[in-house]
């Protein structure tokens, strides 16, 4: 039993499970911050330029409500762009590159 426990602890250390868990927890926190940034800052700015972002969700074609889907795609693109430029600006995008 002690050997199995030691093997499990070795697996956790060698496979980076703790780092993955910390990344998962921090990812949730970053998601909340980026979601708030998009919802409270960026979407109102887009709304000023193009009209209300919320009005997108009202588009329908017969029984198909495609406006919500388009709004979700717009939100995704904005969130992805914000995360990309933040990571590039902080230089975090180069942390995982293999050293040659």
PDB file of N, CA and C in Angstrom:
ATOM      1  N   UNK A   1       0.820  -1.194   0.000  1.00  0.00           N
ATOM      2  CA  UNK A   1       0.000   0.000   0.000  1.00  0.00           C
ATOM      3  C   UNK A   1       0.870   1.267   0.000  1.00  0.00           C
ATOM      4  N   UNK A   2       1.966   1.205   0.783  1.00  0.00           N
ATOM      5  CA  UNK A   2       2.860   2.359   0.869  1.00  0.00           C
ATOM      6  C   UNK A   2       3.509   2.638  -0.480  1.00  0.00           C
ATOM      7  N   UNK A   3       3.821   1.579  -1.252  1.00  0.00           N
ATOM      8  CA  UNK A   3       4.427   1.743  -2.575  1.00  0.00           C
ATOM      9  C   UNK A   3       3.454   2.440  -3.537  1.00  0.00           C
ATOM     10  N   UNK A   4       2.182   2.054  -3.459  1.00  0.00           N
ATOM     11  CA  UNK A   4       1.180   2.669  -4.333  1.00  0.00           C
ATOM     12  C   UNK A   4       0.994   4.140  -3.992  1.00  0.00           C
ATOM     13  N   UNK A   5       0.985   4.461  -2.707  1.00  0.00           N
ATOM     14  CA  UNK A   5       0.848   5.852  -2.291  1.00  0.00           C
ATOM     15  C   UNK A   5       2.051   6.663  -2.743  1.00  0.00           C
ATOM     16  N   UNK A   6       3.247   6.093  -2.601  1.00  0.00           N
ATOM     17  CA  UNK A   6       4.461   6.777  -3.050  1.00  0.00           C
ATOM     18  C   UNK A   6       4.446   6.973  -4.562  1.00  0.00           C
ATOM     19  N   UNK A   7       3.968   5.957  -5.294  1.00  0.00           N
ATOM     20  CA  UNK A   7       3.861   6.080  -6.751  1.00  0.00           C
ATOM     21  C   UNK A   7       2.872   7.163  -7.150  1.00  0.00           C
ATOM     22  N   UNK A   8       1.780   7.274  -6.408  1.00  0.00           N
ATOM     23  CA  UNK A   8       0.783   8.311  -6.681  1.00  0.00           C
ATOM     24  C   UNK A   8       1.367   9.694  -6.431  1.00  0.00           C
ATOM     25  N   UNK A   9       2.084   9.858  -5.338  1.00  0.00           N
ATOM     26  CA  UNK A   9       2.699  11.153  -5.017  1.00  0.00           C
ATOM     27  C   UNK A   9       3.744  11.507  -6.068  1.00  0.00           C
ATOM     28  N   UNK A  10       4.523  10.526  -6.514  1.00  0.00           N
ATOM     29  CA  UNK A  10       5.509  10.764  -7.564  1.00  0.00           C
ATOM     30  C   UNK A  10       4.825  11.183  -8.858  1.00  0.00           C
ATOM     31  N   UNK A  11       3.715  10.511  -9.183  1.00  0.00           N
ATOM     32  CA  UNK A  11       2.950  10.872 -10.388  1.00  0.00           C
ATOM     33  C   UNK A  11       2.482  12.323 -10.324  1.00  0.00           C
ATOM     34  N   UNK A  12       1.961  12.728  -9.185  1.00  0.00           N
ATOM     35  CA  UNK A  12       1.466  14.099  -9.033  1.00  0.00           C
ATOM     36  C   UNK A  12       2.604  15.095  -9.205  1.00  0.00           C
ATOM     37  N   UNK A  13       3.755  14.806  -8.643  1.00  0.00           N
ATOM     38  CA  UNK A  13       4.902  15.721  -8.764  1.00  0.00           C
ATOM     39  C   UNK A  13       5.424  15.785 -10.192  1.00  0.00           C
ATOM     40  N   UNK A  14       5.605  14.619 -10.831  1.00  0.00           N
ATOM     41  CA  UNK A  14       6.246  14.569 -12.138  1.00  0.00           C
ATOM     42  C   UNK A  14       5.343  15.037 -13.269  1.00  0.00           C
ATOM     43  N   UNK A  15       4.055  14.830 -13.150  1.00  0.00           N
ATOM     44  CA  UNK A  15       3.143  15.170 -14.235  1.00  0.00           C
ATOM     45  C   UNK A  15       2.590  16.593 -14.131  1.00  0.00           C
ATOM     46  N   UNK A  16       2.967  17.323 -13.118  1.00  0.00           N
ATOM     47  CA  UNK A  16       2.530  18.710 -13.009  1.00  0.00           C
ATOM     48  C   UNK A  16       1.065  18.861 -12.652  1.00  0.00           C
ATOM     49  N   UNK A  17       0.516  17.901 -11.922  1.00  0.00           N
ATOM     50  CA  UNK A  17      -0.904  17.940 -11.580  1.00  0.00           C
ATOM     51  C   UNK A  17      -1.211  19.136 -10.684  1.00  0.00           C
ATOM     52  N   UNK A  18      -0.328  19.466  -9.789  1.00  0.00           N
ATOM     53  CA  UNK A  18      -0.561  20.607  -8.898  1.00  0.00           C
ATOM     54  C   UNK A  18      -0.559  21.901  -9.710  1.00  0.00           C
ATOM     55  N   UNK A  19       0.384  22.031 -10.626  1.00  0.00           N
ATOM     56  CA  UNK A  19       0.398  23.205 -11.496  1.00  0.00           C
ATOM     57  C   UNK A  19      -0.858  23.301 -12.345  1.00  0.00           C
ATOM     58  N   UNK A  20      -1.339  22.162 -12.824  1.00  0.00           N
ATOM     59  CA  UNK A  20      -2.578  22.137 -13.599  1.00  0.00           C
ATOM     60  C   UNK A  20      -3.759  22.577 -12.741  1.00  0.00           C
ATOM     61  N   UNK A  21      -3.812  22.108 -11.496  1.00  0.00           N
ATOM     62  CA  UNK A  21      -4.901  22.496 -10.602  1.00  0.00           C
ATOM     63  C   UNK A  21      -4.860  23.998 -10.311  1.00  0.00           C
ATOM     64  N   UNK A  22      -3.675  24.517 -10.068  1.00  0.00           N
ATOM     65  CA  UNK A  22      -3.541  25.958  -9.810  1.00  0.00           C
ATOM     66  C   UNK A  22      -3.939  26.745 -11.053  1.00  0.00           C
ATOM     67  N   UNK A  23      -3.525  26.280 -12.220  1.00  0.00           N
ATOM     68  CA  UNK A  23      -3.910  26.933 -13.469  1.00  0.00           C
ATOM     69  C   UNK A  23      -5.412  26.912 -13.693  1.00  0.00           C
ATOM     70  N   UNK A  24      -6.053  25.813 -13.331  1.00  0.00           N
ATOM     71  CA  UNK A  24      -7.507  25.695 -13.471  1.00  0.00           C
ATOM     72  C   UNK A  24      -8.215  26.689 -12.564  1.00  0.00           C
ATOM     73  N   UNK A  25      -7.757  26.802 -11.330  1.00  0.00           N
ATOM     74  CA  UNK A  25      -8.359  27.744 -10.380  1.00  0.00           C
ATOM     75  C   UNK A  25      -8.135  29.180 -10.842  1.00  0.00           C
ATOM     76  N   UNK A  26      -6.919  29.500 -11.236  1.00  0.00           N
ATOM     77  CA  UNK A  26      -6.638  30.849 -11.724  1.00  0.00           C
ATOM     78  C   UNK A  26      -7.385  31.138 -13.028  1.00  0.00           C
ATOM     79  N   UNK A  27      -7.574  30.125 -13.852  1.00  0.00           N
ATOM     80  CA  UNK A  27      -8.331  30.293 -15.084  1.00  0.00           C
ATOM     81  C   UNK A  27      -9.756  30.725 -14.810  1.00  0.00           C
ATOM     82  N   UNK A  28     -10.361  30.172 -13.758  1.00  0.00           N
ATOM     83  CA  UNK A  28     -11.708  30.590 -13.373  1.00  0.00           C
ATOM     84  C   UNK A  28     -11.738  32.040 -12.946  1.00  0.00           C
ATOM     85  N   UNK A  29     -10.732  32.452 -12.201  1.00  0.00           N
ATOM     86  CA  UNK A  29     -10.666  33.841 -11.749  1.00  0.00           C
ATOM     87  C   UNK A  29     -10.428  34.783 -12.931  1.00  0.00           C
ATOM     88  N   UNK A  30      -9.531  34.411 -13.822  1.00  0.00           N
ATOM     89  CA  UNK A  30      -9.270  35.231 -14.998  1.00  0.00           C
ATOM     90  C   UNK A  30     -10.511  35.307 -15.874  1.00  0.00           C
ATOM     91  N   UNK A  31     -11.237  34.203 -15.972  1.00  0.00           N
ATOM     92  CA  UNK A  31     -12.465  34.184 -16.759  1.00  0.00           C
ATOM     93  C   UNK A  31     -13.474  35.189 -16.223  1.00  0.00           C
ATOM     94  N   UNK A  32     -13.604  35.280 -14.905  1.00  0.00           N
ATOM     95  CA  UNK A  32     -14.527  36.243 -14.308  1.00  0.00           C
ATOM     96  C   UNK A  32     -14.092  37.677 -14.610  1.00  0.00           C
ATOM     97  N   UNK A  33     -12.800  37.939 -14.526  1.00  0.00           N
ATOM     98  CA  UNK A  33     -12.284  39.287 -14.786  1.00  0.00           C
ATOM     99  C   UNK A  33     -12.483  39.655 -16.255  1.00  0.00           C
ATOM    100  N   UNK A  34     -12.116  38.750 -17.154  1.00  0.00           N
ATOM    101  CA  UNK A  34     -12.258  39.034 -18.586  1.00  0.00           C
ATOM    102  C   UNK A  34     -13.733  39.152 -18.966  1.00  0.00           C
ATOM    103  N   UNK A  35     -14.580  38.297 -18.387  1.00  0.00           N
ATOM    104  CA  UNK A  35     -16.016  38.390 -18.654  1.00  0.00           C
ATOM    105  C   UNK A  35     -16.580  39.737 -18.226  1.00  0.00           C
ATOM    106  N   UNK A  36     -16.168  40.213 -17.061  1.00  0.00           N
ATOM    107  CA  UNK A  36     -16.612  41.519 -16.589  1.00  0.00           C
ATOM    108  C   UNK A  36     -16.081  42.637 -17.477  1.00  0.00           C
ATOM    109  N   UNK A  37     -14.826  42.529 -17.896  1.00  0.00           N
ATOM    110  CA  UNK A  37     -14.245  43.531 -18.789  1.00  0.00           C
ATOM    111  C   UNK A  37     -15.041  43.621 -20.087  1.00  0.00           C
ATOM    112  N   UNK A  38     -15.373  42.469 -20.644  1.00  0.00           N
ATOM    113  CA  UNK A  38     -16.123  42.449 -21.899  1.00  0.00           C
ATOM    114  C   UNK A  38     -17.541  42.981 -21.691  1.00  0.00           C
ATOM    115  N   UNK A  39     -18.202  42.502 -20.640  1.00  0.00           N
ATOM    116  CA  UNK A  39     -19.601  42.880 -20.401  1.00  0.00           C
ATOM    117  C   UNK A  39     -19.745  44.339 -19.987  1.00  0.00           C
ATOM    118  N   UNK A  40     -18.866  44.819 -19.122  1.00  0.00           N
ATOM    119  CA  UNK A  40     -19.032  46.145 -18.530  1.00  0.00           C
ATOM    120  C   UNK A  40     -18.266  47.261 -19.235  1.00  0.00           C
ATOM    121  N   UNK A  41     -17.237  46.913 -20.011  1.00  0.00           N
ATOM    122  CA  UNK A  41     -16.427  47.956 -20.643  1.00  0.00           C
ATOM    123  C   UNK A  41     -16.487  47.867 -22.170  1.00  0.00           C
ATOM    124  N   UNK A  42     -16.150  46.709 -22.712  1.00  0.00           N
ATOM    125  CA  UNK A  42     -16.008  46.595 -24.163  1.00  0.00           C
ATOM    126  C   UNK A  42     -17.361  46.575 -24.877  1.00  0.00           C
ATOM    127  N   UNK A  43     -18.322  45.781 -24.389  1.00  0.00           N
ATOM    128  CA  UNK A  43     -19.631  45.749 -25.043  1.00  0.00           C
ATOM    129  C   UNK A  43     -20.315  47.113 -25.067  1.00  0.00           C
ATOM    130  N   UNK A  44     -20.276  47.895 -23.972  1.00  0.00           N
ATOM    131  CA  UNK A  44     -20.855  49.242 -24.084  1.00  0.00           C
ATOM    132  C   UNK A  44     -20.150  50.116 -25.116  1.00  0.00           C
ATOM    133  N   UNK A  45     -18.829  49.971 -25.249  1.00  0.00           N
ATOM    134  CA  UNK A  45     -18.115  50.725 -26.276  1.00  0.00           C
ATOM    135  C   UNK A  45     -18.544  50.294 -27.678  1.00  0.00           C
ATOM    136  N   UNK A  46     -18.712  48.981 -27.866  1.00  0.00           N
ATOM    137  CA  UNK A  46     -19.204  48.480 -29.150  1.00  0.00           C
ATOM    138  C   UNK A  46     -20.626  48.980 -29.376  1.00  0.00           C
ATOM    139  N   UNK A  47     -21.418  49.008 -28.301  1.00  0.00           N
ATOM    140  CA  UNK A  47     -22.789  49.508 -28.402  1.00  0.00           C
ATOM    141  C   UNK A  47     -22.844  50.964 -28.825  1.00  0.00           C
ATOM    142  N   UNK A  48     -21.890  51.771 -28.362  1.00  0.00           N
ATOM    143  CA  UNK A  48     -21.843  53.176 -28.773  1.00  0.00           C
ATOM    144  C   UNK A  48     -21.544  53.306 -30.270  1.00  0.00           C
ATOM    145  N   UNK A  49     -20.681  52.430 -30.751  1.00  0.00           N
ATOM    146  CA  UNK A  49     -20.268  52.516 -32.149  1.00  0.00           C
ATOM    147  C   UNK A  49     -21.299  51.910 -33.111  1.00  0.00           C
ATOM    148  N   UNK A  50     -21.892  50.778 -32.729  1.00  0.00           N
ATOM    149  CA  UNK A  50     -22.751  50.035 -33.668  1.00  0.00           C
ATOM    150  C   UNK A  50     -24.192  49.877 -33.206  1.00  0.00           C
ATOM    151  N   UNK A  51     -24.566  50.505 -32.132  1.00  0.00           N
ATOM    152  CA  UNK A  51     -25.885  50.268 -31.568  1.00  0.00           C
ATOM    153  C   UNK A  51     -25.778  49.227 -30.470  1.00  0.00           C
ATOM    154  N   UNK A  52     -26.851  48.917 -29.843  1.00  0.00           N
ATOM    155  CA  UNK A  52     -26.845  48.010 -28.694  1.00  0.00           C
ATOM    156  C   UNK A  52     -26.399  46.606 -29.084  1.00  0.00           C
ATOM    157  N   UNK A  53     -25.485  46.061 -28.303  1.00  0.00           N
ATOM    158  CA  UNK A  53     -25.038  44.684 -28.514  1.00  0.00           C
ATOM    159  C   UNK A  53     -26.160  43.729 -28.147  1.00  0.00           C
ATOM    160  N   UNK A  54     -26.976  44.093 -27.166  1.00  0.00           N
ATOM    161  CA  UNK A  54     -28.093  43.235 -26.744  1.00  0.00           C
ATOM    162  C   UNK A  54     -29.147  43.095 -27.833  1.00  0.00           C
ATOM    163  N   UNK A  55     -29.247  44.064 -28.727  1.00  0.00           N
ATOM    164  CA  UNK A  55     -30.243  43.976 -29.789  1.00  0.00           C
ATOM    165  C   UNK A  55     -29.921  42.864 -30.775  1.00  0.00           C
ATOM    166  N   UNK A  56     -28.695  42.391 -30.791  1.00  0.00           N
ATOM    167  CA  UNK A  56     -28.310  41.279 -31.657  1.00  0.00           C
ATOM    168  C   UNK A  56     -29.109  40.031 -31.335  1.00  0.00           C
ATOM    169  N   UNK A  57     -29.391  39.800 -30.056  1.00  0.00           N
ATOM    170  CA  UNK A  57     -30.057  38.565 -29.653  1.00  0.00           C
ATOM    171  C   UNK A  57     -31.512  38.515 -30.093  1.00  0.00           C
ATOM    172  N   UNK A  58     -32.055  39.595 -30.589  1.00  0.00           N
ATOM    173  CA  UNK A  58     -33.458  39.593 -31.018  1.00  0.00           C
ATOM    174  C   UNK A  58     -33.633  39.180 -32.473  1.00  0.00           C
ATOM    175  N   UNK A  59     -32.554  38.975 -33.219  1.00  0.00           N
ATOM    176  CA  UNK A  59     -32.670  38.585 -34.625  1.00  0.00           C
ATOM    177  C   UNK A  59     -33.233  37.174 -34.733  1.00  0.00           C
ATOM    178  N   UNK A  60     -34.232  37.021 -35.594  1.00  0.00           N
ATOM    179  CA  UNK A  60     -34.832  35.701 -35.819  1.00  0.00           C
ATOM    180  C   UNK A  60     -35.101  35.522 -37.302  1.00  0.00           C
ATOM    181  N   UNK A  61     -35.185  34.286 -37.710  1.00  0.00           N
ATOM    182  CA  UNK A  61     -35.573  33.927 -39.059  1.00  0.00           C
ATOM    183  C   UNK A  61     -36.603  32.816 -38.908  1.00  0.00           C
ATOM    184  N   UNK A  62     -37.856  33.207 -38.859  1.00  0.00           N
ATOM    185  CA  UNK A  62     -38.919  32.243 -38.571  1.00  0.00           C
ATOM    186  C   UNK A  62     -38.763  31.752 -37.140  1.00  0.00           C
ATOM    187  N   UNK A  63     -38.745  30.443 -36.966  1.00  0.00           N
ATOM    188  CA  UNK A  63     -38.611  29.903 -35.601  1.00  0.00           C
ATOM    189  C   UNK A  63     -37.167  29.854 -35.094  1.00  0.00           C
ATOM    190  N   UNK A  64     -36.216  30.214 -35.948  1.00  0.00           N
ATOM    191  CA  UNK A  64     -34.797  30.117 -35.591  1.00  0.00           C
ATOM    192  C   UNK A  64     -34.328  31.454 -35.016  1.00  0.00           C
ATOM    193  N   UNK A  65     -33.857  31.424 -33.785  1.00  0.00           N
ATOM    194  CA  UNK A  65     -33.350  32.617 -33.112  1.00  0.00           C
ATOM    195  C   UNK A  65     -31.827  32.632 -33.237  1.00  0.00           C
ATOM    196  N   UNK A  66     -31.339  33.089 -34.353  1.00  0.00           N
ATOM    197  CA  UNK A  66     -29.905  33.067 -34.610  1.00  0.00           C
ATOM    198  C   UNK A  66     -29.174  34.258 -34.009  1.00  0.00           C
ATOM    199  N   UNK A  67     -29.885  35.237 -33.530  1.00  0.00           N
ATOM    200  CA  UNK A  67     -29.260  36.422 -32.950  1.00  0.00           C
ATOM    201  C   UNK A  67     -28.445  36.105 -31.703  1.00  0.00           C
ATOM    202  N   UNK A  68     -28.954  35.219 -30.847  1.00  0.00           N
ATOM    203  CA  UNK A  68     -28.210  34.842 -29.629  1.00  0.00           C
ATOM    204  C   UNK A  68     -26.903  34.147 -29.992  1.00  0.00           C
ATOM    205  N   UNK A  69     -26.950  33.329 -31.029  1.00  0.00           N
ATOM    206  CA  UNK A  69     -25.744  32.637 -31.481  1.00  0.00           C
ATOM    207  C   UNK A  69     -24.718  33.637 -32.007  1.00  0.00           C
ATOM    208  N   UNK A  70     -25.167  34.607 -32.781  1.00  0.00           N
ATOM    209  CA  UNK A  70     -24.261  35.633 -33.300  1.00  0.00           C
ATOM    210  C   UNK A  70     -23.675  36.451 -32.149  1.00  0.00           C
ATOM    211  N   UNK A  71     -24.514  36.789 -31.152  1.00  0.00           N
ATOM    212  CA  UNK A  71     -24.025  37.537 -29.987  1.00  0.00           C
ATOM    213  C   UNK A  71     -22.974  36.730 -29.231  1.00  0.00           C
ATOM    214  N   UNK A  72     -23.180  35.409 -29.117  1.00  0.00           N
ATOM    215  CA  UNK A  72     -22.202  34.557 -28.432  1.00  0.00           C
ATOM    216  C   UNK A  72     -20.887  34.512 -29.208  1.00  0.00           C
ATOM    217  N   UNK A  73     -20.964  34.475 -30.524  1.00  0.00           N
ATOM    218  CA  UNK A  73     -19.748  34.470 -31.346  1.00  0.00           C
ATOM    219  C   UNK A  73     -19.000  35.797 -31.195  1.00  0.00           C
ATOM    220  N   UNK A  74     -19.732  36.905 -31.201  1.00  0.00           N
ATOM    221  CA  UNK A  74     -19.103  38.214 -31.020  1.00  0.00           C
ATOM    222  C   UNK A  74     -18.425  38.286 -29.653  1.00  0.00           C
ATOM    223  N   UNK A  75     -19.126  37.819 -28.603  1.00  0.00           N
ATOM    224  CA  UNK A  75     -18.531  37.805 -27.266  1.00  0.00           C
ATOM    225  C   UNK A  75     -17.259  36.965 -27.238  1.00  0.00           C
ATOM    226  N   UNK A  76     -17.293  35.783 -27.876  1.00  0.00           N
ATOM    227  CA  UNK A  76     -16.123  34.915 -27.903  1.00  0.00           C
ATOM    228  C   UNK A  76     -14.946  35.602 -28.589  1.00  0.00           C
ATOM    229  N   UNK A  77     -15.201  36.233 -29.723  1.00  0.00           N
ATOM    230  CA  UNK A  77     -14.119  36.890 -30.465  1.00  0.00           C
ATOM    231  C   UNK A  77     -13.520  38.030 -29.643  1.00  0.00           C
ATOM    232  N   UNK A  78     -14.384  38.797 -28.985  1.00  0.00           N
ATOM    233  CA  UNK A  78     -13.893  39.907 -28.164  1.00  0.00           C
ATOM    234  C   UNK A  78     -13.089  39.377 -26.983  1.00  0.00           C
ATOM    235  N   UNK A  79     -13.588  38.351 -26.304  1.00  0.00           N
ATOM    236  CA  UNK A  79     -12.870  37.772 -25.157  1.00  0.00           C
ATOM    237  C   UNK A  79     -11.533  37.196 -25.609  1.00  0.00           C
ATOM    238  N   UNK A  80     -11.523  36.460 -26.717  1.00  0.00           N
ATOM    239  CA  UNK A  80     -10.270  35.874 -27.220  1.00  0.00           C
ATOM    240  C   UNK A  80      -9.266  36.963 -27.569  1.00  0.00           C
ATOM    241  N   UNK A  81      -9.728  38.033 -28.172  1.00  0.00           N
ATOM    242  CA  UNK A  81      -8.823  39.129 -28.534  1.00  0.00           C
ATOM    243  C   UNK A  81      -8.264  39.805 -27.292  1.00  0.00           C
ATOM    244  N   UNK A  82      -9.109  40.043 -26.286  1.00  0.00           N
ATOM    245  CA  UNK A  82      -8.650  40.678 -25.046  1.00  0.00           C
ATOM    246  C   UNK A  82      -7.604  39.805 -24.370  1.00  0.00           C
ATOM    247  N   UNK A  83      -7.881  38.510 -24.242  1.00  0.00           N
ATOM    248  CA  UNK A  83      -6.917  37.603 -23.600  1.00  0.00           C
ATOM    249  C   UNK A  83      -5.619  37.558 -24.402  1.00  0.00           C
ATOM    250  N   UNK A  84      -5.720  37.486 -25.719  1.00  0.00           N
ATOM    251  CA  UNK A  84      -4.528  37.434 -26.561  1.00  0.00           C
ATOM    252  C   UNK A  84      -3.652  38.663 -26.356  1.00  0.00           C
ATOM    253  N   UNK A  85      -4.253  39.856 -26.413  1.00  0.00           N
ATOM    254  CA  UNK A  85      -3.449  41.070 -26.307  1.00  0.00           C
ATOM    255  C   UNK A  85      -2.909  41.278 -24.890  1.00  0.00           C
ATOM    256  N   UNK A  86      -3.638  40.825 -23.878  1.00  0.00           N
ATOM    257  CA  UNK A  86      -3.121  40.912 -22.503  1.00  0.00           C
ATOM    258  C   UNK A  86      -1.915  39.986 -22.350  1.00  0.00           C
ATOM    259  N   UNK A  87      -2.033  38.747 -22.827  1.00  0.00           N
ATOM    260  CA  UNK A  87      -0.929  37.806 -22.696  1.00  0.00           C
ATOM    261  C   UNK A  87       0.274  38.247 -23.510  1.00  0.00           C
ATOM    262  N   UNK A  88       0.043  38.766 -24.701  1.00  0.00           N
ATOM    263  CA  UNK A  88       1.157  39.266 -25.515  1.00  0.00           C
ATOM    264  C   UNK A  88       1.811  40.472 -24.858  1.00  0.00           C
ATOM    265  N   UNK A  89       1.005  41.373 -24.311  1.00  0.00           N
ATOM    266  CA  UNK A  89       1.523  42.578 -23.672  1.00  0.00           C
ATOM    267  C   UNK A  89       2.351  42.271 -22.441  1.00  0.00           C
ATOM    268  N   UNK A  90       1.957  41.243 -21.699  1.00  0.00           N
ATOM    269  CA  UNK A  90       2.694  40.864 -20.489  1.00  0.00           C
ATOM    270  C   UNK A  90       3.867  39.936 -20.792  1.00  0.00           C
ATOM    271  N   UNK A  91       3.967  39.460 -22.022  1.00  0.00           N
ATOM    272  CA  UNK A  91       5.049  38.552 -22.387  1.00  0.00           C
ATOM    273  C   UNK A  91       4.853  37.141 -21.876  1.00  0.00           C
ATOM    274  N   UNK A  92       3.628  36.792 -21.500  1.00  0.00           N
ATOM    275  CA  UNK A  92       3.348  35.476 -20.953  1.00  0.00           C
ATOM    276  C   UNK A  92       3.327  34.416 -22.052  1.00  0.00           C
ATOM    277  N   UNK A  93       3.114  34.819 -23.295  1.00  0.00           N
ATOM    278  CA  UNK A  93       3.005  33.864 -24.388  1.00  0.00           C
ATOM    279  C   UNK A  93       4.315  33.122 -24.647  1.00  0.00           C
ATOM    280  N   UNK A  94       5.433  33.590 -24.132  1.00  0.00           N
ATOM    281  CA  UNK A  94       6.711  32.936 -24.376  1.00  0.00           C
ATOM    282  C   UNK A  94       7.143  32.022 -23.229  1.00  0.00           C
ATOM    283  N   UNK A  95       6.345  31.903 -22.191  1.00  0.00           N
ATOM    284  CA  UNK A  95       6.755  31.105 -21.029  1.00  0.00           C
ATOM    285  C   UNK A  95       6.809  29.621 -21.311  1.00  0.00           C
ATOM    286  N   UNK A  96       5.922  29.106 -22.168  1.00  0.00           N
ATOM    287  CA  UNK A  96       5.846  27.668 -22.394  1.00  0.00           C
ATOM    288  C   UNK A  96       6.689  27.172 -23.559  1.00  0.00           C
ATOM    289  N   UNK A  97       7.421  28.039 -24.217  1.00  0.00           N
ATOM    290  CA  UNK A  97       8.223  27.608 -25.348  1.00  0.00           C
ATOM    291  C   UNK A  97       9.394  26.750 -24.860  1.00  0.00           C
ATOM    292  N   UNK A  98       9.651  25.700 -25.631  1.00  0.00           N
ATOM    293  CA  UNK A  98      10.757  24.811 -25.281  1.00  0.00           C
ATOM    294  C   UNK A  98      12.083  25.520 -25.486  1.00  0.00           C
ATOM    295  N   UNK A  99      12.984  25.266 -24.555  1.00  0.00           N
ATOM    296  CA  UNK A  99      14.325  25.862 -24.665  1.00  0.00           C
ATOM    297  C   UNK A  99      15.179  24.962 -25.533  1.00  0.00           C
ATOM    298  N   UNK A 100      15.777  25.537 -26.553  1.00  0.00           N
ATOM    299  CA  UNK A 100      16.515  24.722 -27.513  1.00  0.00           C
ATOM    300  C   UNK A 100      17.923  24.829 -27.370  1.00  0.00           C
TER     301      UNK A 100
END
